[in-house]
Amino acid sequence: MTRLMVLGLLTKNPMSGYEMQQILQQSKTDTWAGILPGSIYHALKTMEKEELVEIESVEQTGHRTKAVYRITGQGRQEFVKLLEKALRQSSVTFPTTTYTAITFLHALPIDTVLDALAEQRRMIEQQYEMMKAGEQQKESYKDYTEIVQLTFQNMYDHYEIQLKFLAQLEELIRKHPHLFSEGSKVQ
C-alpha cells in the first residue's frame, strides 16, 4: 500500500517525504491506508535504490535538508502495475480479531466482555469522527470528486455496519448471558 501511495503522489508532482506525510495526515488518508510516517521514508529510499524514484533536488530548510523526489519512467510502470493489482484484489476484510474473540467469550466474565465491546465501539466512533473531519478537510481540495465522495461513503458504511454489529452483540449478551458465560451477571 505504501509503495502505491508514494508512487501515486509522485505522479501528481515531485515532493518530499515530509510533504507526502502532511498530505496523508491532513486528509486522514494515513488512517484508512495504515501508512506510518517512517514507512514513507523507507519506501522512498528503497524505491530510489530500485530506480523507481530519484532525487530531483535537495532543499535547505533552516537546519534541515529535505530531498524532493520525482517518479522515473520505471516508477510509472511500477505504479500502473501496483494500481491494477490493487483494483483486482478482494477489498472485503472481516474483523477477524473480534470474530476470534467471540468464539471464546465464555472464558471471560460478562462484565469484562461488555466493557471491552463498549471500548471497541468508542474507538470505532472516534475513528469515524476523524474520518468525517478528514472528508471535510478534503472538500476544500480541487481533487474532491464524486469518486472521493463515494469512497468516503463506503468507509462510513463500514463503520456503521461494525457499530451496528457490536450493538447487536452487546444486546444479545445482555439478553442471554447464560449462552456466553456460566453464572456471570449482567449489569
N, C-alpha and C. Protein backbone atom coordinates (compact mmCIF):
# COMPACT_ATOMS: atom_id res chain seq x y z
N MET A 1 0.83 -1.20 0.00
CA MET A 1 0.00 0.00 0.00
C MET A 1 0.87 1.25 0.00
N THR A 2 1.95 1.23 0.80
CA THR A 2 2.80 2.42 0.91
C THR A 2 3.45 2.74 -0.43
N ARG A 3 3.96 1.71 -1.10
CA ARG A 3 4.61 1.93 -2.39
C ARG A 3 3.63 2.54 -3.39
N LEU A 4 2.44 1.99 -3.44
CA LEU A 4 1.42 2.50 -4.36
C LEU A 4 1.09 3.96 -4.04
N MET A 5 0.93 4.27 -2.76
CA MET A 5 0.58 5.63 -2.36
C MET A 5 1.71 6.61 -2.70
N VAL A 6 2.94 6.24 -2.37
CA VAL A 6 4.08 7.13 -2.63
C VAL A 6 4.24 7.36 -4.14
N LEU A 7 4.21 6.30 -4.91
CA LEU A 7 4.33 6.46 -6.36
C LEU A 7 3.16 7.26 -6.92
N GLY A 8 1.96 7.00 -6.41
CA GLY A 8 0.79 7.74 -6.87
C GLY A 8 0.90 9.23 -6.60
N LEU A 9 1.37 9.58 -5.40
CA LEU A 9 1.56 11.00 -5.08
C LEU A 9 2.59 11.64 -6.00
N LEU A 10 3.64 10.88 -6.30
CA LEU A 10 4.70 11.43 -7.16
C LEU A 10 4.26 11.54 -8.62
N THR A 11 3.20 10.83 -9.02
CA THR A 11 2.70 11.02 -10.39
C THR A 11 2.06 12.39 -10.54
N LYS A 12 1.62 12.96 -9.41
CA LYS A 12 1.00 14.30 -9.45
C LYS A 12 2.05 15.39 -9.58
N ASN A 13 3.08 15.31 -8.75
CA ASN A 13 4.21 16.24 -8.83
C ASN A 13 5.31 15.81 -7.87
N PRO A 14 6.54 16.26 -8.13
CA PRO A 14 7.64 15.92 -7.22
C PRO A 14 7.38 16.47 -5.82
N MET A 15 7.81 15.74 -4.81
CA MET A 15 7.64 16.21 -3.43
C MET A 15 8.56 15.45 -2.50
N SER A 16 8.67 15.97 -1.30
CA SER A 16 9.50 15.34 -0.27
C SER A 16 8.65 14.34 0.53
N GLY A 17 9.33 13.51 1.29
CA GLY A 17 8.62 12.59 2.17
C GLY A 17 7.77 13.33 3.17
N TYR A 18 8.28 14.45 3.67
CA TYR A 18 7.52 15.25 4.63
C TYR A 18 6.23 15.79 4.01
N GLU A 19 6.32 16.26 2.77
CA GLU A 19 5.12 16.77 2.08
C GLU A 19 4.09 15.65 1.90
N MET A 20 4.56 14.46 1.57
CA MET A 20 3.64 13.32 1.44
C MET A 20 2.96 13.04 2.77
N GLN A 21 3.75 13.03 3.82
CA GLN A 21 3.22 12.78 5.16
C GLN A 21 2.15 13.80 5.51
N GLN A 22 2.40 15.07 5.22
CA GLN A 22 1.43 16.13 5.52
C GLN A 22 0.13 15.95 4.74
N ILE A 23 0.25 15.62 3.47
CA ILE A 23 -0.94 15.40 2.63
C ILE A 23 -1.77 14.26 3.20
N LEU A 24 -1.12 13.16 3.55
CA LEU A 24 -1.83 11.99 4.07
C LEU A 24 -2.47 12.28 5.42
N GLN A 25 -1.77 13.02 6.28
CA GLN A 25 -2.31 13.32 7.60
C GLN A 25 -3.46 14.32 7.53
N GLN A 26 -3.33 15.34 6.71
CA GLN A 26 -4.38 16.36 6.62
C GLN A 26 -5.69 15.78 6.11
N SER A 27 -5.60 14.85 5.19
CA SER A 27 -6.82 14.26 4.62
C SER A 27 -7.23 12.98 5.36
N LYS A 28 -6.48 12.62 6.40
CA LYS A 28 -6.73 11.41 7.20
C LYS A 28 -6.54 10.14 6.37
N THR A 29 -5.88 10.26 5.24
CA THR A 29 -5.61 9.09 4.41
C THR A 29 -4.71 8.12 5.13
N ASP A 30 -3.79 8.64 5.95
CA ASP A 30 -2.89 7.76 6.69
C ASP A 30 -3.66 6.82 7.60
N THR A 31 -4.84 7.24 8.06
CA THR A 31 -5.66 6.43 8.96
C THR A 31 -6.22 5.21 8.24
N TRP A 32 -6.91 5.43 7.11
CA TRP A 32 -7.51 4.28 6.43
C TRP A 32 -6.50 3.47 5.64
N ALA A 33 -5.42 4.10 5.22
CA ALA A 33 -4.42 3.38 4.44
C ALA A 33 -3.40 2.67 5.33
N GLY A 34 -3.37 3.03 6.61
CA GLY A 34 -2.44 2.39 7.53
C GLY A 34 -0.98 2.69 7.20
N ILE A 35 -0.72 3.90 6.76
CA ILE A 35 0.64 4.28 6.37
C ILE A 35 1.28 5.09 7.49
N LEU A 36 2.34 4.55 8.06
CA LEU A 36 3.06 5.24 9.12
C LEU A 36 4.09 6.18 8.50
N PRO A 37 4.39 7.31 9.17
CA PRO A 37 5.36 8.26 8.60
C PRO A 37 6.69 7.62 8.22
N GLY A 38 7.22 6.76 9.07
CA GLY A 38 8.50 6.13 8.78
C GLY A 38 8.47 5.26 7.54
N SER A 39 7.31 4.70 7.24
CA SER A 39 7.22 3.82 6.07
C SER A 39 7.33 4.60 4.77
N ILE A 40 6.96 5.86 4.79
CA ILE A 40 7.10 6.71 3.59
C ILE A 40 8.58 6.86 3.26
N TYR A 41 9.37 7.20 4.27
CA TYR A 41 10.81 7.41 4.05
C TYR A 41 11.50 6.11 3.65
N HIS A 42 11.10 5.03 4.29
CA HIS A 42 11.68 3.72 3.95
C HIS A 42 11.35 3.37 2.50
N ALA A 43 10.10 3.58 2.11
CA ALA A 43 9.70 3.29 0.73
C ALA A 43 10.47 4.15 -0.26
N LEU A 44 10.65 5.43 0.06
CA LEU A 44 11.40 6.32 -0.85
C LEU A 44 12.84 5.83 -1.02
N LYS A 45 13.49 5.48 0.07
CA LYS A 45 14.88 5.02 -0.02
C LYS A 45 14.98 3.71 -0.79
N THR A 46 14.06 2.79 -0.51
CA THR A 46 14.05 1.51 -1.22
C THR A 46 13.79 1.71 -2.70
N MET A 47 12.80 2.53 -3.02
CA MET A 47 12.45 2.74 -4.43
C MET A 47 13.51 3.56 -5.17
N GLU A 48 14.26 4.37 -4.42
CA GLU A 48 15.37 5.08 -5.06
C GLU A 48 16.43 4.07 -5.50
N LYS A 49 16.73 3.10 -4.64
CA LYS A 49 17.70 2.05 -4.99
C LYS A 49 17.21 1.23 -6.18
N GLU A 50 15.89 1.04 -6.26
CA GLU A 50 15.30 0.27 -7.36
C GLU A 50 15.10 1.12 -8.61
N GLU A 51 15.47 2.39 -8.54
CA GLU A 51 15.37 3.35 -9.64
C GLU A 51 13.92 3.61 -10.07
N LEU A 52 13.01 3.53 -9.10
CA LEU A 52 11.61 3.86 -9.35
C LEU A 52 11.36 5.34 -9.08
N VAL A 53 12.17 5.91 -8.19
CA VAL A 53 12.14 7.34 -7.90
C VAL A 53 13.57 7.84 -7.89
N GLU A 54 13.71 9.15 -8.04
CA GLU A 54 15.04 9.75 -7.96
C GLU A 54 14.92 11.11 -7.30
N ILE A 55 16.03 11.55 -6.75
CA ILE A 55 16.04 12.86 -6.10
C ILE A 55 16.12 13.93 -7.18
N GLU A 56 15.14 14.82 -7.14
CA GLU A 56 15.11 15.93 -8.10
C GLU A 56 15.95 17.09 -7.58
N SER A 57 15.84 17.34 -6.28
CA SER A 57 16.60 18.43 -5.68
C SER A 57 16.72 18.19 -4.18
N VAL A 58 17.66 18.88 -3.58
CA VAL A 58 17.82 18.86 -2.12
C VAL A 58 17.68 20.30 -1.67
N GLU A 59 16.71 20.54 -0.78
CA GLU A 59 16.43 21.89 -0.32
C GLU A 59 16.83 22.04 1.14
N GLN A 60 17.33 23.21 1.46
CA GLN A 60 17.72 23.53 2.83
C GLN A 60 16.58 24.32 3.48
N THR A 61 16.05 23.81 4.59
CA THR A 61 15.00 24.49 5.33
C THR A 61 15.50 24.65 6.76
N GLY A 62 15.98 25.84 7.09
CA GLY A 62 16.56 26.03 8.42
C GLY A 62 17.81 25.17 8.55
N HIS A 63 17.83 24.32 9.56
CA HIS A 63 18.97 23.42 9.77
C HIS A 63 18.74 22.05 9.14
N ARG A 64 17.66 21.91 8.43
CA ARG A 64 17.32 20.61 7.85
C ARG A 64 17.44 20.65 6.34
N THR A 65 17.83 19.52 5.80
CA THR A 65 17.80 19.38 4.35
C THR A 65 16.68 18.40 4.02
N LYS A 66 16.00 18.69 2.94
CA LYS A 66 14.95 17.75 2.52
C LYS A 66 15.15 17.42 1.06
N ALA A 67 15.01 16.14 0.78
CA ALA A 67 15.13 15.65 -0.58
C ALA A 67 13.75 15.68 -1.23
N VAL A 68 13.70 16.25 -2.41
CA VAL A 68 12.47 16.26 -3.20
C VAL A 68 12.62 15.18 -4.26
N TYR A 69 11.67 14.26 -4.27
CA TYR A 69 11.73 13.11 -5.16
C TYR A 69 10.79 13.29 -6.35
N ARG A 70 11.15 12.63 -7.44
CA ARG A 70 10.27 12.55 -8.60
C ARG A 70 10.24 11.09 -9.06
N ILE A 71 9.16 10.74 -9.71
CA ILE A 71 8.99 9.37 -10.19
C ILE A 71 9.74 9.21 -11.52
N THR A 72 10.31 8.04 -11.75
CA THR A 72 11.01 7.76 -13.01
C THR A 72 10.05 7.03 -13.96
N GLY A 73 10.49 6.82 -15.18
CA GLY A 73 9.69 6.05 -16.13
C GLY A 73 9.42 4.64 -15.61
N GLN A 74 10.45 4.04 -15.04
CA GLN A 74 10.30 2.70 -14.46
C GLN A 74 9.33 2.75 -13.27
N GLY A 75 9.38 3.85 -12.53
CA GLY A 75 8.46 4.04 -11.40
C GLY A 75 7.02 4.15 -11.87
N ARG A 76 6.81 4.83 -12.99
CA ARG A 76 5.44 4.93 -13.54
C ARG A 76 4.91 3.55 -13.94
N GLN A 77 5.78 2.74 -14.53
CA GLN A 77 5.37 1.38 -14.89
C GLN A 77 5.01 0.57 -13.64
N GLU A 78 5.82 0.70 -12.59
CA GLU A 78 5.55 0.00 -11.33
C GLU A 78 4.25 0.50 -10.71
N PHE A 79 4.02 1.81 -10.78
CA PHE A 79 2.77 2.39 -10.26
C PHE A 79 1.56 1.78 -10.95
N VAL A 80 1.59 1.70 -12.27
CA VAL A 80 0.47 1.14 -13.04
C VAL A 80 0.26 -0.33 -12.65
N LYS A 81 1.35 -1.07 -12.51
CA LYS A 81 1.26 -2.48 -12.13
C LYS A 81 0.64 -2.63 -10.73
N LEU A 82 1.11 -1.83 -9.77
CA LEU A 82 0.57 -1.89 -8.41
C LEU A 82 -0.88 -1.44 -8.35
N LEU A 83 -1.21 -0.42 -9.13
CA LEU A 83 -2.58 0.09 -9.17
C LEU A 83 -3.55 -0.97 -9.69
N GLU A 84 -3.18 -1.60 -10.79
CA GLU A 84 -4.03 -2.65 -11.35
C GLU A 84 -4.17 -3.81 -10.38
N LYS A 85 -3.08 -4.21 -9.75
CA LYS A 85 -3.11 -5.31 -8.78
C LYS A 85 -4.04 -4.96 -7.61
N ALA A 86 -3.97 -3.73 -7.12
CA ALA A 86 -4.81 -3.30 -6.00
C ALA A 86 -6.29 -3.33 -6.37
N LEU A 87 -6.61 -2.96 -7.59
CA LEU A 87 -8.01 -2.96 -8.03
C LEU A 87 -8.56 -4.37 -8.22
N ARG A 88 -7.68 -5.32 -8.50
CA ARG A 88 -8.12 -6.70 -8.72
C ARG A 88 -8.29 -7.49 -7.42
N GLN A 89 -7.64 -7.06 -6.35
CA GLN A 89 -7.71 -7.78 -5.08
C GLN A 89 -9.08 -7.61 -4.43
N SER A 90 -9.50 -8.63 -3.69
CA SER A 90 -10.74 -8.51 -2.92
C SER A 90 -10.56 -7.41 -1.89
N SER A 91 -11.55 -6.56 -1.79
CA SER A 91 -11.45 -5.43 -0.86
C SER A 91 -12.29 -5.64 0.39
N VAL A 92 -12.83 -6.84 0.55
CA VAL A 92 -13.62 -7.12 1.74
C VAL A 92 -12.71 -7.74 2.79
N THR A 93 -12.63 -7.08 3.92
CA THR A 93 -11.88 -7.63 5.05
C THR A 93 -12.82 -7.74 6.24
N PHE A 94 -12.65 -8.80 6.96
CA PHE A 94 -13.50 -9.04 8.13
C PHE A 94 -12.75 -8.71 9.41
N PRO A 95 -13.47 -8.35 10.45
CA PRO A 95 -12.84 -8.09 11.75
C PRO A 95 -12.49 -9.42 12.42
N THR A 96 -11.48 -10.09 11.89
CA THR A 96 -11.15 -11.44 12.33
C THR A 96 -10.74 -11.52 13.80
N THR A 97 -10.10 -10.49 14.30
CA THR A 97 -9.73 -10.49 15.72
C THR A 97 -10.98 -10.54 16.59
N THR A 98 -11.96 -9.73 16.25
CA THR A 98 -13.22 -9.73 17.00
C THR A 98 -13.94 -11.06 16.85
N TYR A 99 -13.99 -11.59 15.64
CA TYR A 99 -14.66 -12.87 15.43
C TYR A 99 -14.00 -13.98 16.25
N THR A 100 -12.68 -13.98 16.28
CA THR A 100 -11.96 -14.98 17.07
C THR A 100 -12.29 -14.83 18.54
N ALA A 101 -12.28 -13.60 19.03
CA ALA A 101 -12.60 -13.35 20.44
C ALA A 101 -14.01 -13.81 20.78
N ILE A 102 -14.95 -13.60 19.87
CA ILE A 102 -16.34 -14.01 20.10
C ILE A 102 -16.43 -15.52 20.30
N THR A 103 -15.60 -16.25 19.60
CA THR A 103 -15.58 -17.70 19.73
C THR A 103 -15.31 -18.14 21.17
N PHE A 104 -14.56 -17.30 21.91
CA PHE A 104 -14.16 -17.67 23.26
C PHE A 104 -14.74 -16.75 24.34
N LEU A 105 -15.86 -16.13 24.05
CA LEU A 105 -16.49 -15.22 25.03
C LEU A 105 -16.72 -15.89 26.38
N HIS A 106 -17.02 -17.16 26.37
CA HIS A 106 -17.32 -17.88 27.60
C HIS A 106 -16.16 -17.87 28.60
N ALA A 107 -14.95 -17.56 28.14
CA ALA A 107 -13.77 -17.59 29.01
C ALA A 107 -13.62 -16.33 29.86
N LEU A 108 -14.43 -15.32 29.60
CA LEU A 108 -14.35 -14.07 30.36
C LEU A 108 -15.66 -13.80 31.08
N PRO A 109 -15.59 -13.06 32.19
CA PRO A 109 -16.83 -12.63 32.83
C PRO A 109 -17.60 -11.70 31.88
N ILE A 110 -18.91 -11.79 31.94
CA ILE A 110 -19.78 -11.00 31.06
C ILE A 110 -19.47 -9.51 31.16
N ASP A 111 -19.26 -9.01 32.38
CA ASP A 111 -18.98 -7.57 32.54
C ASP A 111 -17.71 -7.17 31.82
N THR A 112 -16.70 -8.03 31.84
CA THR A 112 -15.45 -7.75 31.13
C THR A 112 -15.70 -7.71 29.62
N VAL A 113 -16.47 -8.66 29.14
CA VAL A 113 -16.81 -8.71 27.71
C VAL A 113 -17.54 -7.43 27.29
N LEU A 114 -18.53 -7.05 28.06
CA LEU A 114 -19.32 -5.86 27.72
C LEU A 114 -18.47 -4.59 27.79
N ASP A 115 -17.59 -4.50 28.78
CA ASP A 115 -16.68 -3.34 28.87
C ASP A 115 -15.77 -3.28 27.64
N ALA A 116 -15.23 -4.43 27.25
CA ALA A 116 -14.32 -4.47 26.10
C ALA A 116 -15.05 -4.09 24.81
N LEU A 117 -16.26 -4.60 24.64
CA LEU A 117 -17.03 -4.26 23.44
C LEU A 117 -17.40 -2.78 23.41
N ALA A 118 -17.73 -2.22 24.58
CA ALA A 118 -18.04 -0.79 24.65
C ALA A 118 -16.81 0.04 24.31
N GLU A 119 -15.64 -0.41 24.77
CA GLU A 119 -14.40 0.31 24.45
C GLU A 119 -14.13 0.25 22.95
N GLN A 120 -14.32 -0.93 22.36
CA GLN A 120 -14.12 -1.05 20.91
C GLN A 120 -15.08 -0.13 20.16
N ARG A 121 -16.32 -0.08 20.62
CA ARG A 121 -17.32 0.79 19.98
C ARG A 121 -16.89 2.25 20.05
N ARG A 122 -16.41 2.68 21.22
CA ARG A 122 -15.95 4.08 21.37
C ARG A 122 -14.79 4.38 20.43
N MET A 123 -13.86 3.43 20.31
CA MET A 123 -12.72 3.64 19.41
C MET A 123 -13.18 3.77 17.96
N ILE A 124 -14.11 2.93 17.56
CA ILE A 124 -14.63 2.99 16.19
C ILE A 124 -15.36 4.31 15.97
N GLU A 125 -16.13 4.75 16.96
CA GLU A 125 -16.83 6.04 16.84
C GLU A 125 -15.84 7.19 16.71
N GLN A 126 -14.72 7.13 17.44
CA GLN A 126 -13.68 8.18 17.32
C GLN A 126 -13.07 8.16 15.92
N GLN A 127 -12.76 6.97 15.42
CA GLN A 127 -12.19 6.85 14.08
C GLN A 127 -13.17 7.38 13.03
N TYR A 128 -14.43 7.08 13.23
CA TYR A 128 -15.49 7.52 12.33
C TYR A 128 -15.53 9.05 12.29
N GLU A 129 -15.48 9.68 13.45
CA GLU A 129 -15.49 11.14 13.53
C GLU A 129 -14.23 11.73 12.90
N MET A 130 -13.08 11.09 13.12
CA MET A 130 -11.84 11.55 12.49
C MET A 130 -11.95 11.47 10.97
N MET A 131 -12.57 10.40 10.48
CA MET A 131 -12.73 10.24 9.03
C MET A 131 -13.63 11.34 8.48
N LYS A 132 -14.69 11.67 9.20
CA LYS A 132 -15.58 12.76 8.76
C LYS A 132 -14.82 14.08 8.71
N ALA A 133 -13.97 14.31 9.71
CA ALA A 133 -13.14 15.53 9.72
C ALA A 133 -12.19 15.52 8.53
N GLY A 134 -11.66 14.35 8.20
CA GLY A 134 -10.78 14.23 7.04
C GLY A 134 -11.51 14.55 5.74
N GLU A 135 -12.75 14.11 5.65
CA GLU A 135 -13.53 14.42 4.45
C GLU A 135 -13.79 15.92 4.36
N GLN A 136 -14.13 16.54 5.48
CA GLN A 136 -14.36 17.99 5.47
C GLN A 136 -13.10 18.73 5.02
N GLN A 137 -11.95 18.26 5.48
CA GLN A 137 -10.68 18.85 5.07
C GLN A 137 -10.49 18.67 3.56
N LYS A 138 -10.77 17.48 3.08
CA LYS A 138 -10.56 17.17 1.67
C LYS A 138 -11.52 17.92 0.75
N GLU A 139 -12.69 18.29 1.27
CA GLU A 139 -13.67 19.03 0.46
C GLU A 139 -13.10 20.33 -0.08
N SER A 140 -12.11 20.89 0.60
CA SER A 140 -11.52 22.15 0.15
C SER A 140 -10.49 21.94 -0.97
N TYR A 141 -10.12 20.71 -1.25
CA TYR A 141 -9.14 20.42 -2.30
C TYR A 141 -9.84 20.34 -3.65
N LYS A 142 -9.09 20.65 -4.68
CA LYS A 142 -9.67 20.62 -6.02
C LYS A 142 -9.93 19.19 -6.51
N ASP A 143 -9.26 18.20 -5.90
CA ASP A 143 -9.47 16.82 -6.34
C ASP A 143 -10.55 16.10 -5.53
N TYR A 144 -11.45 16.87 -4.88
CA TYR A 144 -12.58 16.28 -4.16
C TYR A 144 -13.68 16.01 -5.18
N THR A 145 -13.69 14.80 -5.69
CA THR A 145 -14.59 14.42 -6.78
C THR A 145 -15.70 13.50 -6.27
N GLU A 146 -16.58 13.12 -7.18
CA GLU A 146 -17.64 12.18 -6.83
C GLU A 146 -17.06 10.83 -6.40
N ILE A 147 -15.93 10.45 -6.99
CA ILE A 147 -15.28 9.20 -6.60
C ILE A 147 -14.79 9.30 -5.16
N VAL A 148 -14.23 10.44 -4.79
CA VAL A 148 -13.78 10.64 -3.41
C VAL A 148 -14.98 10.58 -2.46
N GLN A 149 -16.07 11.23 -2.84
CA GLN A 149 -17.29 11.19 -2.02
C GLN A 149 -17.79 9.76 -1.85
N LEU A 150 -17.81 9.02 -2.94
CA LEU A 150 -18.26 7.62 -2.90
C LEU A 150 -17.35 6.79 -1.99
N THR A 151 -16.06 7.05 -2.06
CA THR A 151 -15.10 6.33 -1.21
C THR A 151 -15.36 6.62 0.26
N PHE A 152 -15.55 7.88 0.60
CA PHE A 152 -15.85 8.22 1.99
C PHE A 152 -17.15 7.56 2.44
N GLN A 153 -18.17 7.57 1.59
CA GLN A 153 -19.44 6.95 1.96
C GLN A 153 -19.26 5.46 2.22
N ASN A 154 -18.44 4.82 1.41
CA ASN A 154 -18.16 3.40 1.61
C ASN A 154 -17.49 3.16 2.96
N MET A 155 -16.55 4.04 3.32
CA MET A 155 -15.90 3.92 4.64
C MET A 155 -16.92 4.10 5.75
N TYR A 156 -17.79 5.08 5.60
CA TYR A 156 -18.82 5.33 6.62
C TYR A 156 -19.73 4.12 6.77
N ASP A 157 -20.08 3.51 5.64
CA ASP A 157 -20.93 2.32 5.69
C ASP A 157 -20.25 1.20 6.49
N HIS A 158 -18.95 1.05 6.29
CA HIS A 158 -18.20 0.02 7.04
C HIS A 158 -18.24 0.32 8.54
N TYR A 159 -17.99 1.57 8.90
CA TYR A 159 -18.06 1.94 10.32
C TYR A 159 -19.44 1.64 10.89
N GLU A 160 -20.47 2.04 10.15
CA GLU A 160 -21.84 1.86 10.65
C GLU A 160 -22.21 0.39 10.78
N ILE A 161 -21.78 -0.43 9.84
CA ILE A 161 -22.05 -1.88 9.92
C ILE A 161 -21.39 -2.47 11.17
N GLN A 162 -20.14 -2.09 11.42
CA GLN A 162 -19.45 -2.64 12.59
C GLN A 162 -20.07 -2.14 13.88
N LEU A 163 -20.45 -0.87 13.93
CA LEU A 163 -21.10 -0.33 15.13
C LEU A 163 -22.44 -1.03 15.37
N LYS A 164 -23.17 -1.28 14.31
CA LYS A 164 -24.45 -1.99 14.45
C LYS A 164 -24.22 -3.41 14.97
N PHE A 165 -23.21 -4.09 14.42
CA PHE A 165 -22.89 -5.44 14.86
C PHE A 165 -22.54 -5.47 16.34
N LEU A 166 -21.70 -4.54 16.77
CA LEU A 166 -21.30 -4.51 18.19
C LEU A 166 -22.50 -4.23 19.09
N ALA A 167 -23.38 -3.32 18.68
CA ALA A 167 -24.57 -3.02 19.47
C ALA A 167 -25.47 -4.26 19.57
N GLN A 168 -25.64 -4.96 18.46
CA GLN A 168 -26.46 -6.17 18.47
C GLN A 168 -25.83 -7.27 19.32
N LEU A 169 -24.52 -7.39 19.26
CA LEU A 169 -23.81 -8.38 20.06
C LEU A 169 -23.97 -8.08 21.55
N GLU A 170 -23.79 -6.81 21.92
CA GLU A 170 -23.97 -6.42 23.32
C GLU A 170 -25.40 -6.72 23.78
N GLU A 171 -26.36 -6.41 22.94
CA GLU A 171 -27.76 -6.65 23.28
C GLU A 171 -28.02 -8.15 23.48
N LEU A 172 -27.47 -8.96 22.59
CA LEU A 172 -27.64 -10.41 22.68
C LEU A 172 -27.02 -10.96 23.97
N ILE A 173 -25.85 -10.46 24.31
CA ILE A 173 -25.17 -10.91 25.53
C ILE A 173 -25.99 -10.52 26.76
N ARG A 174 -26.50 -9.31 26.76
CA ARG A 174 -27.32 -8.86 27.90
C ARG A 174 -28.62 -9.68 28.00
N LYS A 175 -29.19 -10.00 26.85
CA LYS A 175 -30.47 -10.71 26.82
C LYS A 175 -30.31 -12.19 27.21
N HIS A 176 -29.19 -12.79 26.78
CA HIS A 176 -28.97 -14.23 27.02
C HIS A 176 -27.58 -14.48 27.61
N PRO A 177 -27.29 -13.97 28.79
CA PRO A 177 -25.94 -14.13 29.35
C PRO A 177 -25.55 -15.59 29.56
N HIS A 178 -26.51 -16.44 29.80
CA HIS A 178 -26.22 -17.85 30.04
C HIS A 178 -25.60 -18.54 28.81
N LEU A 179 -25.81 -17.98 27.64
CA LEU A 179 -25.23 -18.56 26.42
C LEU A 179 -23.73 -18.26 26.29
N PHE A 180 -23.28 -17.28 27.03
CA PHE A 180 -21.90 -16.82 26.85
C PHE A 180 -20.99 -17.13 28.03
N SER A 181 -21.52 -17.15 29.23
CA SER A 181 -20.67 -17.39 30.38
C SER A 181 -21.52 -17.92 31.52
N GLU A 182 -21.21 -19.08 32.00
CA GLU A 182 -21.97 -19.69 33.08
C GLU A 182 -21.89 -18.86 34.35
N GLY A 183 -23.05 -18.50 34.87
CA GLY A 183 -23.13 -17.85 36.17
C GLY A 183 -22.73 -16.39 36.21
N SER A 184 -22.36 -15.78 35.08
CA SER A 184 -21.98 -14.36 35.10
C SER A 184 -23.22 -13.50 35.17
N LYS A 185 -23.08 -12.39 35.81
CA LYS A 185 -24.21 -11.47 35.93
C LYS A 185 -24.02 -10.30 34.98
N VAL A 186 -25.11 -9.86 34.44
CA VAL A 186 -25.08 -8.71 33.53
C VAL A 186 -25.67 -7.52 34.27
N GLN A 187 -24.99 -6.40 34.15
CA GLN A 187 -25.48 -5.18 34.81
C GLN A 187 -26.63 -4.59 34.04
